[in-house]
Amino acid sequence: MKKSQHIFKFEELKVYQKAIDFGEIVHSQVSSFPKIEDYRLSSQFARAADSIAFNIAEGSGSSDASFLNYLRIARDSSKVCVAATTKALLRNYITWEQSEQNRALLVEINKMLSALMKHLRNK
């Protein structure tokens, strides 16, 4: 993707960039789920994955206390993605390798969110 010359501060956050990447991975995965899952697992999984980056972006311009709340919501969404990954694996919609890739990214995103939250609390 071509890089814009108009950058918002939150776009420089590595955790935001990872969350954007994760959302695109999930989008690709759910596109092959069966039609029956369109308004069930596919929708929930894609919305939760996108919610991680959306909450980081939305909270970034707020006060530290407000940003912390948005980061908590982002972290909660990442936990929904863990459950959705498990469901997708159990239903044979994704491979073991895809599940492990999702889980590794979610662990990394959670660690980054926790570090950012700790930084904001200690300011």
Protein backbone atom coordinates (compact mmCIF):
# COMPACT_ATOMS: atom_id res chain seq x y z
CA MET A 1 0.00 0.00 0.00
CA LYS A 2 1.21 3.49 -0.85
CA LYS A 3 2.08 5.59 2.21
CA SER A 4 0.20 8.83 2.73
CA GLN A 5 2.07 12.06 3.25
CA HIS A 6 -0.61 13.02 5.81
CA ILE A 7 0.13 11.07 8.98
CA PHE A 8 -1.72 11.11 12.28
CA LYS A 9 0.33 10.65 15.45
CA PHE A 10 -1.40 7.39 16.45
CA GLU A 11 -0.40 5.85 13.11
CA GLU A 12 3.21 5.93 14.33
CA LEU A 13 2.37 3.62 17.25
CA LYS A 14 3.72 0.13 16.57
CA VAL A 15 0.77 -1.42 18.40
CA TYR A 16 -1.63 0.40 16.06
CA GLN A 17 0.31 -0.85 13.03
CA LYS A 18 0.24 -4.43 14.37
CA ALA A 19 -3.49 -4.13 15.04
CA ILE A 20 -4.11 -2.90 11.49
CA ASP A 21 -2.15 -5.89 10.13
CA PHE A 22 -4.05 -8.30 12.37
CA GLY A 23 -7.39 -6.92 11.17
CA GLU A 24 -6.37 -7.55 7.57
CA ILE A 25 -5.28 -11.11 8.37
CA VAL A 26 -8.65 -11.80 10.01
CA HIS A 27 -10.49 -10.21 7.09
CA SER A 28 -8.69 -12.59 4.75
CA GLN A 29 -9.45 -15.59 6.95
CA VAL A 30 -13.18 -14.91 7.42
CA SER A 31 -13.67 -14.38 3.69
CA SER A 32 -13.40 -18.16 3.29
CA PHE A 33 -15.73 -19.07 6.17
CA PRO A 34 -19.03 -20.73 5.19
CA LYS A 35 -22.00 -18.49 4.34
CA ILE A 36 -23.83 -19.63 7.49
CA GLU A 37 -21.21 -17.76 9.55
CA ASP A 38 -21.72 -14.39 7.80
CA TYR A 39 -23.80 -12.91 10.63
CA ARG A 40 -22.27 -15.05 13.33
CA LEU A 41 -18.61 -15.93 13.76
CA SER A 42 -17.33 -14.11 10.65
CA SER A 43 -18.96 -10.83 11.62
CA GLN A 44 -18.02 -11.03 15.31
CA PHE A 45 -14.42 -11.98 14.54
CA ALA A 46 -13.90 -9.25 11.92
CA ARG A 47 -15.52 -6.56 14.10
CA ALA A 48 -13.44 -7.53 17.14
CA ALA A 49 -10.22 -7.59 15.10
CA ASP A 50 -10.92 -4.16 13.60
CA SER A 51 -11.99 -2.83 16.99
CA ILE A 52 -8.44 -3.18 18.32
CA ALA A 53 -7.03 -0.60 15.88
CA PHE A 54 -10.20 1.53 15.95
CA ASN A 55 -10.01 1.95 19.74
CA ILE A 56 -6.32 2.80 19.68
CA ALA A 57 -7.03 5.46 17.05
CA GLU A 58 -10.14 6.84 18.75
CA GLY A 59 -8.55 7.14 22.16
CA SER A 60 -5.22 8.55 21.03
CA GLY A 61 -6.23 12.19 20.98
CA SER A 62 -7.91 12.05 24.39
CA SER A 63 -6.65 12.60 27.90
CA ASP A 64 -4.41 9.87 29.32
CA ALA A 65 -7.30 8.57 31.47
CA SER A 66 -9.60 8.37 28.47
CA PHE A 67 -6.91 6.81 26.29
CA LEU A 68 -6.38 4.16 28.98
CA ASN A 69 -10.06 3.27 28.76
CA TYR A 70 -9.89 2.91 24.98
CA LEU A 71 -6.78 0.74 25.32
CA ARG A 72 -8.65 -1.50 27.79
CA ILE A 73 -11.43 -1.87 25.23
CA ALA A 74 -8.85 -2.70 22.55
CA ARG A 75 -7.36 -5.35 24.85
CA ASP A 76 -10.83 -6.77 25.51
CA SER A 77 -11.42 -6.98 21.75
CA SER A 78 -8.16 -8.88 21.37
CA LYS A 79 -9.44 -11.45 23.88
CA VAL A 80 -12.61 -11.86 21.81
CA CYS A 81 -10.28 -12.60 18.89
CA VAL A 82 -8.60 -15.37 20.89
CA ALA A 83 -12.00 -17.01 21.43
CA ALA A 84 -12.98 -16.47 17.79
CA THR A 85 -9.69 -18.01 16.66
CA THR A 86 -10.41 -21.05 18.83
CA LYS A 87 -13.94 -21.37 17.44
CA ALA A 88 -12.68 -21.02 13.86
CA LEU A 89 -10.07 -23.72 14.47
CA LEU A 90 -12.58 -26.08 16.11
CA ARG A 91 -14.93 -25.65 13.15
CA ASN A 92 -12.06 -26.29 10.71
CA TYR A 93 -12.37 -22.85 9.12
CA ILE A 94 -8.70 -22.06 9.73
CA THR A 95 -5.62 -24.25 9.96
CA TRP A 96 -3.53 -24.89 13.05
CA GLU A 97 -0.83 -22.67 11.54
CA GLN A 98 -3.29 -19.79 11.03
CA SER A 99 -4.52 -20.22 14.59
CA GLU A 100 -0.96 -20.08 15.90
CA GLN A 101 -0.22 -17.00 13.77
CA ASN A 102 -3.32 -15.27 15.17
CA ARG A 103 -2.46 -16.21 18.73
CA ALA A 104 1.17 -15.07 18.39
CA LEU A 105 0.06 -11.69 17.02
CA LEU A 106 -2.55 -11.32 19.75
CA VAL A 107 0.01 -12.08 22.47
CA GLU A 108 2.31 -9.46 20.94
CA ILE A 109 -0.49 -6.89 20.63
CA ASN A 110 -1.57 -7.53 24.23
CA LYS A 111 1.98 -7.06 25.51
CA MET A 112 2.29 -3.82 23.56
CA LEU A 113 -1.08 -2.56 24.83
CA SER A 114 -0.12 -3.41 28.40
CA ALA A 115 3.21 -1.60 28.04
CA LEU A 116 1.50 1.48 26.62
CA MET A 117 -1.08 1.41 29.40
CA LYS A 118 1.69 1.12 32.03
CA HIS A 119 3.50 4.06 30.43
CA LEU A 120 0.36 6.21 30.53
CA ARG A 121 -0.36 5.32 34.16
CA ASN A 122 3.22 6.18 35.19
CA LYS A 123 3.36 9.57 33.44
